[in-house]
Amino acid sequence: MSVEEAAGERLGESVRRLRKERGMTLVELARAADLSHSFLSQLERGRSRPSMSSLHRIAQALGTTQPALMAAAETDEPRVGVSLVRAGGGLPLENPGGTGRTLVAGAHALYPMLFVGAPDEWGDWYTHPGEEFIHVMAGSILVELEDSLHELLPGDTLYYPGGMAHRWRGVRGYGAETARLLFVQEGRRR
């Protein structure tokens, strides 16, 4: 089994465990997350990977956060002191317009994720209780907050509080450089 397949299985087990703790059926979770029952079944069995958007909807429906779901997929320990994630490691994430992966294993106060590439169009709005920080290493993106729009270029950072609706997309131009983005969310389990 590949590292990605094992990570997918652990994520599915994490979703299943939390769904059952909440006393929800697959159909109820599917309805609450506005996803198909068959997709969630495949996800729980490790045969499908969620996009960041679907993982966000699953987390909200389960009353938790994306980082908490991903941390639970990495370890059953409530908190890990030291985390070493080797180059190319981490939980892989589907992201429109590119790929992503987690940069820490286990539950921590901060949960960094690396995204390579960016969606060409606006996607779903995200809202989560934890604060978030974005650093653009290459390329450029637009970040729309509930009350403002920000264009981020290489070297720029943006920080916003938890509970603020936000979404992002890539910007064409600037030498058509592929976006490389570091997102850091507050990662405490909720």
N, C-alpha and C. Protein backbone atom coordinates (compact mmCIF):
# COMPACT_ATOMS: atom_id res chain seq x y z
N MET A 1 0.85 -1.18 0.00
CA MET A 1 0.00 0.00 0.00
C MET A 1 0.90 1.24 0.00
N SER A 2 0.56 2.21 -0.84
CA SER A 2 1.35 3.44 -0.92
C SER A 2 1.08 4.33 0.29
N VAL A 3 1.94 5.31 0.48
CA VAL A 3 1.78 6.27 1.58
C VAL A 3 0.46 7.03 1.42
N GLU A 4 0.14 7.42 0.16
CA GLU A 4 -1.10 8.15 -0.09
C GLU A 4 -2.32 7.29 0.21
N GLU A 5 -2.28 6.00 -0.17
CA GLU A 5 -3.41 5.11 0.10
C GLU A 5 -3.60 4.92 1.60
N ALA A 6 -2.49 4.77 2.33
CA ALA A 6 -2.58 4.61 3.78
C ALA A 6 -3.16 5.87 4.43
N ALA A 7 -2.73 7.04 3.96
CA ALA A 7 -3.25 8.30 4.50
C ALA A 7 -4.74 8.43 4.20
N GLY A 8 -5.15 8.02 3.00
CA GLY A 8 -6.57 8.05 2.63
C GLY A 8 -7.40 7.14 3.51
N GLU A 9 -6.88 5.97 3.83
CA GLU A 9 -7.58 5.05 4.72
C GLU A 9 -7.73 5.64 6.12
N ARG A 10 -6.65 6.26 6.61
CA ARG A 10 -6.71 6.85 7.96
C ARG A 10 -7.70 8.02 7.99
N LEU A 11 -7.75 8.82 6.93
CA LEU A 11 -8.72 9.92 6.88
C LEU A 11 -10.14 9.36 6.88
N GLY A 12 -10.38 8.34 6.08
CA GLY A 12 -11.70 7.71 6.05
C GLY A 12 -12.10 7.15 7.40
N GLU A 13 -11.16 6.50 8.08
CA GLU A 13 -11.44 5.97 9.42
C GLU A 13 -11.75 7.10 10.39
N SER A 14 -11.04 8.22 10.25
CA SER A 14 -11.27 9.38 11.11
C SER A 14 -12.68 9.92 10.91
N VAL A 15 -13.11 10.05 9.65
CA VAL A 15 -14.46 10.55 9.36
C VAL A 15 -15.50 9.57 9.89
N ARG A 16 -15.31 8.27 9.64
CA ARG A 16 -16.26 7.26 10.11
C ARG A 16 -16.38 7.28 11.63
N ARG A 17 -15.24 7.32 12.33
CA ARG A 17 -15.24 7.32 13.79
C ARG A 17 -16.01 8.52 14.34
N LEU A 18 -15.73 9.69 13.80
CA LEU A 18 -16.40 10.90 14.27
C LEU A 18 -17.88 10.89 13.92
N ARG A 19 -18.23 10.40 12.74
CA ARG A 19 -19.64 10.31 12.34
C ARG A 19 -20.40 9.43 13.32
N LYS A 20 -19.81 8.29 13.66
CA LYS A 20 -20.47 7.37 14.60
C LYS A 20 -20.55 7.95 16.00
N GLU A 21 -19.50 8.66 16.43
CA GLU A 21 -19.54 9.33 17.73
C GLU A 21 -20.68 10.34 17.79
N ARG A 22 -20.98 10.97 16.65
CA ARG A 22 -22.06 11.96 16.58
C ARG A 22 -23.43 11.30 16.39
N GLY A 23 -23.44 9.97 16.24
CA GLY A 23 -24.70 9.25 16.05
C GLY A 23 -25.35 9.49 14.70
N MET A 24 -24.53 9.77 13.69
CA MET A 24 -25.05 10.06 12.35
C MET A 24 -24.89 8.86 11.43
N THR A 25 -25.85 8.68 10.53
CA THR A 25 -25.72 7.69 9.47
C THR A 25 -24.98 8.34 8.30
N LEU A 26 -24.54 7.51 7.36
CA LEU A 26 -23.91 8.06 6.15
C LEU A 26 -24.87 8.99 5.41
N VAL A 27 -26.13 8.60 5.34
CA VAL A 27 -27.13 9.41 4.64
C VAL A 27 -27.30 10.76 5.33
N GLU A 28 -27.33 10.76 6.66
CA GLU A 28 -27.48 12.03 7.38
C GLU A 28 -26.26 12.93 7.17
N LEU A 29 -25.07 12.34 7.22
CA LEU A 29 -23.86 13.13 6.98
C LEU A 29 -23.85 13.66 5.55
N ALA A 30 -24.22 12.83 4.60
CA ALA A 30 -24.25 13.25 3.20
C ALA A 30 -25.19 14.45 3.02
N ARG A 31 -26.35 14.36 3.64
CA ARG A 31 -27.32 15.45 3.53
C ARG A 31 -26.75 16.72 4.19
N ALA A 32 -26.20 16.59 5.39
CA ALA A 32 -25.67 17.75 6.12
C ALA A 32 -24.49 18.40 5.41
N ALA A 33 -23.67 17.59 4.73
CA ALA A 33 -22.49 18.11 4.04
C ALA A 33 -22.76 18.43 2.57
N ASP A 34 -23.98 18.16 2.11
CA ASP A 34 -24.36 18.37 0.71
C ASP A 34 -23.41 17.62 -0.23
N LEU A 35 -23.16 16.34 0.12
CA LEU A 35 -22.33 15.44 -0.69
C LEU A 35 -23.11 14.16 -0.93
N SER A 36 -22.67 13.38 -1.89
CA SER A 36 -23.38 12.14 -2.18
C SER A 36 -23.04 11.06 -1.16
N HIS A 37 -24.01 10.24 -0.90
CA HIS A 37 -23.85 9.10 0.01
C HIS A 37 -22.75 8.17 -0.52
N SER A 38 -22.72 7.95 -1.83
CA SER A 38 -21.72 7.04 -2.40
C SER A 38 -20.30 7.60 -2.25
N PHE A 39 -20.14 8.92 -2.42
CA PHE A 39 -18.82 9.52 -2.24
C PHE A 39 -18.35 9.34 -0.80
N LEU A 40 -19.23 9.61 0.17
CA LEU A 40 -18.84 9.46 1.58
C LEU A 40 -18.51 8.01 1.92
N SER A 41 -19.25 7.09 1.34
CA SER A 41 -18.96 5.67 1.56
C SER A 41 -17.56 5.33 1.03
N GLN A 42 -17.25 5.80 -0.16
CA GLN A 42 -15.93 5.57 -0.74
C GLN A 42 -14.84 6.24 0.11
N LEU A 43 -15.11 7.44 0.59
CA LEU A 43 -14.15 8.16 1.42
C LEU A 43 -13.87 7.38 2.71
N GLU A 44 -14.91 6.93 3.36
CA GLU A 44 -14.73 6.21 4.63
C GLU A 44 -13.97 4.90 4.44
N ARG A 45 -14.03 4.33 3.26
CA ARG A 45 -13.29 3.09 2.99
C ARG A 45 -11.90 3.37 2.40
N GLY A 46 -11.52 4.65 2.30
CA GLY A 46 -10.19 5.01 1.82
C GLY A 46 -10.04 4.89 0.32
N ARG A 47 -11.14 4.85 -0.40
CA ARG A 47 -11.09 4.68 -1.86
C ARG A 47 -11.30 5.98 -2.62
N SER A 48 -11.48 7.06 -1.88
CA SER A 48 -11.69 8.36 -2.51
C SER A 48 -11.05 9.42 -1.61
N ARG A 49 -10.53 10.47 -2.22
CA ARG A 49 -9.95 11.58 -1.47
C ARG A 49 -10.85 12.79 -1.62
N PRO A 50 -11.08 13.51 -0.53
CA PRO A 50 -11.93 14.70 -0.63
C PRO A 50 -11.14 15.89 -1.14
N SER A 51 -11.84 16.81 -1.76
CA SER A 51 -11.25 18.11 -2.08
C SER A 51 -11.25 18.92 -0.79
N MET A 52 -10.54 20.03 -0.79
CA MET A 52 -10.56 20.89 0.40
C MET A 52 -11.99 21.37 0.67
N SER A 53 -12.74 21.64 -0.38
CA SER A 53 -14.11 22.09 -0.21
C SER A 53 -14.98 21.01 0.43
N SER A 54 -14.89 19.78 -0.06
CA SER A 54 -15.72 18.73 0.52
C SER A 54 -15.27 18.39 1.93
N LEU A 55 -13.95 18.43 2.20
CA LEU A 55 -13.46 18.17 3.55
C LEU A 55 -13.98 19.25 4.52
N HIS A 56 -14.03 20.49 4.05
CA HIS A 56 -14.57 21.58 4.86
C HIS A 56 -16.05 21.32 5.18
N ARG A 57 -16.83 20.92 4.19
CA ARG A 57 -18.25 20.66 4.42
C ARG A 57 -18.46 19.47 5.35
N ILE A 58 -17.62 18.43 5.21
CA ILE A 58 -17.71 17.28 6.11
C ILE A 58 -17.39 17.71 7.54
N ALA A 59 -16.32 18.48 7.71
CA ALA A 59 -15.93 18.95 9.04
C ALA A 59 -17.05 19.78 9.68
N GLN A 60 -17.64 20.70 8.92
CA GLN A 60 -18.72 21.52 9.46
C GLN A 60 -19.91 20.65 9.86
N ALA A 61 -20.26 19.68 9.02
CA ALA A 61 -21.39 18.81 9.32
C ALA A 61 -21.14 17.97 10.57
N LEU A 62 -19.87 17.67 10.84
CA LEU A 62 -19.52 16.87 12.01
C LEU A 62 -19.20 17.74 13.23
N GLY A 63 -19.27 19.06 13.07
CA GLY A 63 -19.02 19.95 14.18
C GLY A 63 -17.56 20.04 14.57
N THR A 64 -16.67 19.95 13.58
CA THR A 64 -15.24 20.02 13.83
C THR A 64 -14.58 20.88 12.76
N THR A 65 -13.28 20.78 12.63
CA THR A 65 -12.55 21.57 11.65
C THR A 65 -11.75 20.65 10.72
N GLN A 66 -11.36 21.19 9.58
CA GLN A 66 -10.49 20.44 8.66
C GLN A 66 -9.21 19.99 9.35
N PRO A 67 -8.50 20.90 10.04
CA PRO A 67 -7.26 20.46 10.69
C PRO A 67 -7.48 19.33 11.69
N ALA A 68 -8.58 19.39 12.43
CA ALA A 68 -8.85 18.32 13.40
C ALA A 68 -9.09 16.99 12.70
N LEU A 69 -9.81 17.00 11.58
CA LEU A 69 -10.02 15.76 10.82
C LEU A 69 -8.70 15.23 10.28
N MET A 70 -7.88 16.11 9.73
CA MET A 70 -6.61 15.68 9.16
C MET A 70 -5.64 15.22 10.25
N ALA A 71 -5.66 15.89 11.40
CA ALA A 71 -4.79 15.47 12.50
C ALA A 71 -5.20 14.10 13.01
N ALA A 72 -6.50 13.86 13.10
CA ALA A 72 -6.97 12.55 13.56
C ALA A 72 -6.59 11.46 12.58
N ALA A 73 -6.46 11.82 11.31
CA ALA A 73 -6.06 10.84 10.30
C ALA A 73 -4.58 10.50 10.42
N GLU A 74 -3.82 11.37 11.01
CA GLU A 74 -2.38 11.14 11.14
C GLU A 74 -2.03 10.34 12.38
N THR A 75 -2.80 10.50 13.44
CA THR A 75 -2.47 9.82 14.69
C THR A 75 -3.70 9.73 15.58
N ASP A 76 -3.73 8.73 16.44
CA ASP A 76 -4.80 8.61 17.42
C ASP A 76 -4.44 9.30 18.73
N GLU A 77 -3.20 9.78 18.84
CA GLU A 77 -2.77 10.45 20.05
C GLU A 77 -3.40 11.84 20.10
N PRO A 78 -3.81 12.30 21.30
CA PRO A 78 -4.44 13.61 21.37
C PRO A 78 -3.49 14.76 21.06
N ARG A 79 -2.19 14.58 21.31
CA ARG A 79 -1.22 15.63 21.00
C ARG A 79 0.14 14.98 20.82
N VAL A 80 0.82 15.40 19.79
CA VAL A 80 2.15 14.88 19.50
C VAL A 80 3.15 16.00 19.75
N GLY A 81 4.24 15.71 20.47
CA GLY A 81 5.22 16.75 20.79
C GLY A 81 6.05 17.18 19.60
N VAL A 82 6.61 16.23 18.86
CA VAL A 82 7.48 16.54 17.74
C VAL A 82 6.91 15.87 16.50
N SER A 83 6.91 16.57 15.39
CA SER A 83 6.42 16.02 14.13
C SER A 83 7.46 16.27 13.05
N LEU A 84 7.89 15.21 12.42
CA LEU A 84 8.80 15.31 11.28
C LEU A 84 8.07 14.77 10.06
N VAL A 85 7.87 15.61 9.08
CA VAL A 85 7.26 15.20 7.82
C VAL A 85 8.32 15.39 6.75
N ARG A 86 8.73 14.32 6.14
CA ARG A 86 9.77 14.37 5.11
C ARG A 86 9.24 14.99 3.82
N ALA A 87 10.14 15.48 3.00
CA ALA A 87 9.79 16.06 1.71
C ALA A 87 8.91 15.08 0.94
N GLY A 88 7.80 15.57 0.43
CA GLY A 88 6.87 14.73 -0.32
C GLY A 88 5.91 13.96 0.56
N GLY A 89 6.09 14.03 1.89
CA GLY A 89 5.21 13.33 2.82
C GLY A 89 4.00 14.17 3.16
N GLY A 90 3.32 13.78 4.20
CA GLY A 90 2.12 14.49 4.64
C GLY A 90 0.89 13.94 3.96
N LEU A 91 -0.25 14.27 4.51
CA LEU A 91 -1.53 13.83 3.97
C LEU A 91 -1.82 14.60 2.69
N PRO A 92 -1.96 13.90 1.54
CA PRO A 92 -2.24 14.60 0.29
C PRO A 92 -3.67 15.15 0.28
N LEU A 93 -3.83 16.32 -0.33
CA LEU A 93 -5.11 16.99 -0.40
C LEU A 93 -5.45 17.30 -1.84
N GLU A 94 -6.68 17.10 -2.22
CA GLU A 94 -7.15 17.50 -3.54
C GLU A 94 -7.47 18.99 -3.47
N ASN A 95 -7.06 19.73 -4.48
CA ASN A 95 -7.32 21.15 -4.52
C ASN A 95 -7.57 21.56 -5.97
N PRO A 96 -8.68 22.23 -6.26
CA PRO A 96 -8.92 22.65 -7.64
C PRO A 96 -7.73 23.45 -8.16
N GLY A 97 -7.23 23.09 -9.31
CA GLY A 97 -6.14 23.82 -9.92
C GLY A 97 -4.77 23.40 -9.42
N GLY A 98 -4.69 22.40 -8.57
CA GLY A 98 -3.38 21.99 -8.06
C GLY A 98 -3.47 20.89 -7.02
N THR A 99 -2.46 20.83 -6.19
CA THR A 99 -2.40 19.81 -5.16
C THR A 99 -2.04 20.47 -3.83
N GLY A 100 -2.21 19.72 -2.79
CA GLY A 100 -1.84 20.20 -1.48
C GLY A 100 -1.40 19.03 -0.61
N ARG A 101 -0.76 19.36 0.50
CA ARG A 101 -0.39 18.33 1.47
C ARG A 101 -0.17 18.99 2.81
N THR A 102 -0.41 18.22 3.84
CA THR A 102 -0.17 18.71 5.18
C THR A 102 1.32 18.69 5.47
N LEU A 103 1.76 19.57 6.35
CA LEU A 103 3.18 19.68 6.66
C LEU A 103 3.49 19.32 8.11
N VAL A 104 2.52 18.81 8.84
CA VAL A 104 2.71 18.37 10.21
C VAL A 104 1.81 17.16 10.44
N ALA A 105 2.27 16.24 11.24
CA ALA A 105 1.46 15.07 11.59
C ALA A 105 1.00 15.20 13.02
N GLY A 106 -0.22 14.79 13.27
CA GLY A 106 -0.75 14.82 14.63
C GLY A 106 -1.44 16.13 14.94
N ALA A 107 -1.91 16.22 16.18
CA ALA A 107 -2.64 17.39 16.63
C ALA A 107 -1.68 18.41 17.22
N HIS A 108 -1.72 19.62 16.72
CA HIS A 108 -0.86 20.71 17.17
C HIS A 108 -1.64 22.00 17.22
N ALA A 109 -1.06 23.02 17.78
CA ALA A 109 -1.72 24.33 17.84
C ALA A 109 -1.80 24.98 16.47
N LEU A 110 -0.84 24.67 15.58
CA LEU A 110 -0.83 25.20 14.22
C LEU A 110 -0.85 24.05 13.24
N TYR A 111 -1.51 24.26 12.12
CA TYR A 111 -1.63 23.22 11.12
C TYR A 111 -1.27 23.78 9.75
N PRO A 112 0.01 23.68 9.34
CA PRO A 112 0.43 24.22 8.05
C PRO A 112 0.13 23.26 6.89
N MET A 113 -0.22 23.86 5.75
CA MET A 113 -0.48 23.10 4.54
C MET A 113 0.20 23.80 3.36
N LEU A 114 0.77 23.02 2.46
CA LEU A 114 1.41 23.56 1.27
C LEU A 114 0.50 23.29 0.08
N PHE A 115 0.21 24.33 -0.69
CA PHE A 115 -0.57 24.19 -1.91
C PHE A 115 0.30 24.59 -3.09
N VAL A 116 0.27 23.79 -4.12
CA VAL A 116 0.97 24.08 -5.37
C VAL A 116 -0.11 24.16 -6.44
N GLY A 117 -0.24 25.31 -7.06
CA GLY A 117 -1.32 25.55 -8.02
C GLY A 117 -2.49 26.21 -7.30
N ALA A 118 -3.38 26.77 -8.08
CA ALA A 118 -4.53 27.47 -7.51
C ALA A 118 -5.71 27.35 -8.47
N PRO A 119 -6.92 27.36 -7.94
CA PRO A 119 -8.09 27.31 -8.83
C PRO A 119 -8.17 28.57 -9.69
N ASP A 120 -8.70 28.41 -10.90
CA ASP A 120 -8.84 29.55 -11.82
C ASP A 120 -10.08 30.39 -11.52
N GLU A 121 -11.03 29.81 -10.79
CA GLU A 121 -12.28 30.50 -10.50
C GLU A 121 -12.54 30.48 -9.00
N TRP A 122 -13.43 31.37 -8.56
CA TRP A 122 -13.82 31.38 -7.16
C TRP A 122 -14.51 30.07 -6.83
N GLY A 123 -14.20 29.53 -5.68
CA GLY A 123 -14.85 28.31 -5.19
C GLY A 123 -15.78 28.63 -4.04
N ASP A 124 -16.02 27.63 -3.24
CA ASP A 124 -16.89 27.78 -2.07
C ASP A 124 -16.28 28.74 -1.06
N TRP A 125 -17.15 29.34 -0.27
CA TRP A 125 -16.72 30.14 0.87
C TRP A 125 -16.36 29.18 2.00
N TYR A 126 -15.31 29.49 2.72
CA TYR A 126 -14.89 28.72 3.89
C TYR A 126 -15.09 29.56 5.14
N THR A 127 -15.55 28.94 6.18
CA THR A 127 -15.62 29.58 7.49
C THR A 127 -15.24 28.52 8.51
N HIS A 128 -14.31 28.84 9.39
CA HIS A 128 -13.92 27.91 10.44
C HIS A 128 -13.53 28.73 11.67
N PRO A 129 -13.59 28.12 12.84
CA PRO A 129 -13.34 28.89 14.07
C PRO A 129 -11.89 29.32 14.25
N GLY A 130 -10.94 28.61 13.68
CA GLY A 130 -9.53 28.92 13.89
C GLY A 130 -9.03 30.04 12.99
N GLU A 131 -8.04 30.76 13.49
CA GLU A 131 -7.40 31.82 12.73
C GLU A 131 -6.59 31.22 11.59
N GLU A 132 -6.30 32.04 10.56
CA GLU A 132 -5.56 31.54 9.41
C GLU A 132 -4.55 32.57 8.92
N PHE A 133 -3.44 32.05 8.39
CA PHE A 133 -2.34 32.85 7.87
C PHE A 133 -1.96 32.28 6.51
N ILE A 134 -1.73 33.15 5.52
CA ILE A 134 -1.32 32.73 4.19
C ILE A 134 -0.02 33.44 3.83
N HIS A 135 0.93 32.69 3.28
CA HIS A 135 2.17 33.26 2.76
C HIS A 135 2.33 32.78 1.32
N VAL A 136 2.53 33.71 0.40
CA VAL A 136 2.70 33.37 -1.01
C VAL A 136 4.20 33.27 -1.29
N MET A 137 4.62 32.07 -1.68
CA MET A 137 6.03 31.84 -1.99
C MET A 137 6.31 32.08 -3.47
N ALA A 138 5.32 31.81 -4.33
CA ALA A 138 5.46 32.01 -5.78
C ALA A 138 4.07 32.20 -6.37
N GLY A 139 4.01 32.84 -7.52
CA GLY A 139 2.73 33.09 -8.17
C GLY A 139 1.96 34.18 -7.46
N SER A 140 0.67 34.23 -7.69
CA SER A 140 -0.17 35.22 -7.02
C SER A 140 -1.59 34.68 -6.90
N ILE A 141 -2.28 35.16 -5.88
CA ILE A 141 -3.66 34.75 -5.64
C ILE A 141 -4.49 35.96 -5.24
N LEU A 142 -5.79 35.81 -5.38
CA LEU A 142 -6.75 36.75 -4.83
C LEU A 142 -7.43 36.06 -3.66
N VAL A 143 -7.54 36.76 -2.55
CA VAL A 143 -8.24 36.25 -1.38
C VAL A 143 -9.39 37.20 -1.10
N GLU A 144 -10.60 36.67 -1.12
CA GLU A 144 -11.77 37.47 -0.81
C GLU A 144 -12.23 37.13 0.60
N LEU A 145 -12.23 38.15 1.46
CA LEU A 145 -12.77 38.02 2.80
C LEU A 145 -14.18 38.57 2.76
N GLU A 146 -14.94 38.35 3.77
CA GLU A 146 -16.34 38.77 3.73
C GLU A 146 -16.50 40.27 3.51
N ASP A 147 -15.47 41.06 3.81
CA ASP A 147 -15.60 42.51 3.66
C ASP A 147 -14.48 43.16 2.85
N SER A 148 -13.63 42.35 2.19
CA SER A 148 -12.52 42.94 1.44
C SER A 148 -11.94 41.95 0.45
N LEU A 149 -11.16 42.47 -0.50
CA LEU A 149 -10.50 41.66 -1.51
C LEU A 149 -9.01 42.01 -1.49
N HIS A 150 -8.14 40.98 -1.50
CA HIS A 150 -6.70 41.21 -1.41
C HIS A 150 -5.98 40.43 -2.50
N GLU A 151 -5.11 41.12 -3.25
CA GLU A 151 -4.24 40.43 -4.19
C GLU A 151 -2.91 40.20 -3.49
N LEU A 152 -2.47 38.95 -3.44
CA LEU A 152 -1.22 38.59 -2.78
C LEU A 152 -0.20 38.18 -3.82
N LEU A 153 0.97 38.79 -3.75
CA LEU A 153 2.09 38.52 -4.65
C LEU A 153 3.18 37.78 -3.88
N PRO A 154 4.20 37.26 -4.57
CA PRO A 154 5.27 36.55 -3.87
C PRO A 154 5.85 37.37 -2.71
N GLY A 155 5.94 36.73 -1.56
CA GLY A 155 6.44 37.38 -0.36
C GLY A 155 5.37 37.99 0.51
N ASP A 156 4.15 38.18 -0.02
CA ASP A 156 3.06 38.76 0.76
C ASP A 156 2.48 37.74 1.73
N THR A 157 1.94 38.27 2.82
CA THR A 157 1.24 37.44 3.80
C THR A 157 -0.10 38.07 4.12
N LEU A 158 -1.02 37.24 4.54
CA LEU A 158 -2.34 37.71 4.95
C LEU A 158 -2.76 36.89 6.16
N TYR A 159 -3.27 37.57 7.17
CA TYR A 159 -3.75 36.92 8.39
C TYR A 159 -5.18 37.38 8.61
N TYR A 160 -6.07 36.46 9.02
CA TYR A 160 -7.42 36.86 9.35
C TYR A 160 -7.95 35.98 10.48
N PRO A 161 -8.88 36.53 11.25
CA PRO A 161 -9.39 35.83 12.43
C PRO A 161 -10.33 34.69 12.06
N GLY A 162 -10.50 33.78 13.01
CA GLY A 162 -11.45 32.70 12.82
C GLY A 162 -12.87 33.25 12.71
N GLY A 163 -13.71 32.49 12.06
CA GLY A 163 -15.10 32.89 11.89
C GLY A 163 -15.35 33.80 10.71
N MET A 164 -14.30 34.23 10.02
CA MET A 164 -14.45 35.13 8.88
C MET A 164 -14.58 34.31 7.59
N ALA A 165 -15.65 34.55 6.85
CA ALA A 165 -15.84 33.86 5.57
C ALA A 165 -14.76 34.29 4.60
N HIS A 166 -14.22 33.29 3.86
CA HIS A 166 -13.14 33.59 2.91
C HIS A 166 -13.12 32.57 1.79
N ARG A 167 -12.51 32.96 0.69
CA ARG A 167 -12.27 32.07 -0.45
C ARG A 167 -11.10 32.63 -1.24
N TRP A 168 -10.54 31.82 -2.13
CA TRP A 168 -9.36 32.28 -2.87
C TRP A 168 -9.30 31.64 -4.24
N ARG A 169 -8.53 32.28 -5.12
CA ARG A 169 -8.30 31.77 -6.46
C ARG A 169 -6.98 32.33 -6.98
N GLY A 170 -6.46 31.69 -8.01
CA GLY A 170 -5.22 32.14 -8.61
C GLY A 170 -5.43 33.36 -9.49
N VAL A 171 -4.33 34.01 -9.82
CA VAL A 171 -4.32 35.16 -10.73
C VAL A 171 -3.39 34.82 -11.87
N ARG A 172 -3.86 34.97 -13.07
CA ARG A 172 -3.00 34.72 -14.23
C ARG A 172 -2.07 35.91 -14.42
N GLY A 173 -0.93 35.65 -14.99
CA GLY A 173 0.03 36.71 -15.22
C GLY A 173 1.27 36.51 -14.38
N TYR A 174 2.03 37.54 -14.21
CA TYR A 174 3.26 37.49 -13.42
C TYR A 174 4.15 36.34 -13.87
N GLY A 175 4.31 36.22 -15.22
CA GLY A 175 5.14 35.17 -15.77
C GLY A 175 4.50 33.81 -15.72
N ALA A 176 3.20 33.76 -15.45
CA ALA A 176 2.45 32.50 -15.36
C ALA A 176 3.11 31.51 -14.41
N GLU A 177 3.73 32.03 -13.37
CA GLU A 177 4.39 31.17 -12.38
C GLU A 177 3.34 30.41 -11.56
N THR A 178 3.58 29.13 -11.37
CA THR A 178 2.67 28.30 -10.57
C THR A 178 2.66 28.81 -9.13
N ALA A 179 1.47 28.95 -8.59
CA ALA A 179 1.35 29.41 -7.20
C ALA A 179 1.90 28.35 -6.25
N ARG A 180 2.69 28.79 -5.28
CA ARG A 180 3.16 27.96 -4.16
C ARG A 180 2.77 28.73 -2.91
N LEU A 181 1.90 28.11 -2.11
CA LEU A 181 1.27 28.82 -1.01
C LEU A 181 1.40 28.06 0.29
N LEU A 182 1.71 28.75 1.34
CA LEU A 182 1.73 28.17 2.68
C LEU A 182 0.52 28.71 3.43
N PHE A 183 -0.40 27.82 3.78
CA PHE A 183 -1.56 28.18 4.59
C PHE A 183 -1.31 27.59 5.99
N VAL A 184 -1.55 28.37 7.01
CA VAL A 184 -1.42 27.88 8.37
C VAL A 184 -2.72 28.19 9.11
N GLN A 185 -3.40 27.12 9.55
CA GLN A 185 -4.63 27.28 10.32
C GLN A 185 -4.36 26.94 11.77
N GLU A 186 -5.13 27.57 12.63
CA GLU A 186 -5.13 27.15 14.03
C GLU A 186 -5.62 25.70 14.04
N GLY A 187 -4.89 24.83 14.68
CA GLY A 187 -5.18 23.42 14.56
C GLY A 187 -5.70 22.72 15.78
N ARG A 188 -6.09 23.42 16.79
CA ARG A 188 -6.60 22.76 17.98
C ARG A 188 -7.88 22.02 17.66
N ARG A 189 -8.04 20.85 18.22
CA ARG A 189 -9.27 20.07 18.03
C ARG A 189 -10.43 20.82 18.67
N ARG A 190 -11.55 20.72 18.01
CA ARG A 190 -12.75 21.38 18.53
C ARG A 190 -13.83 20.35 18.69
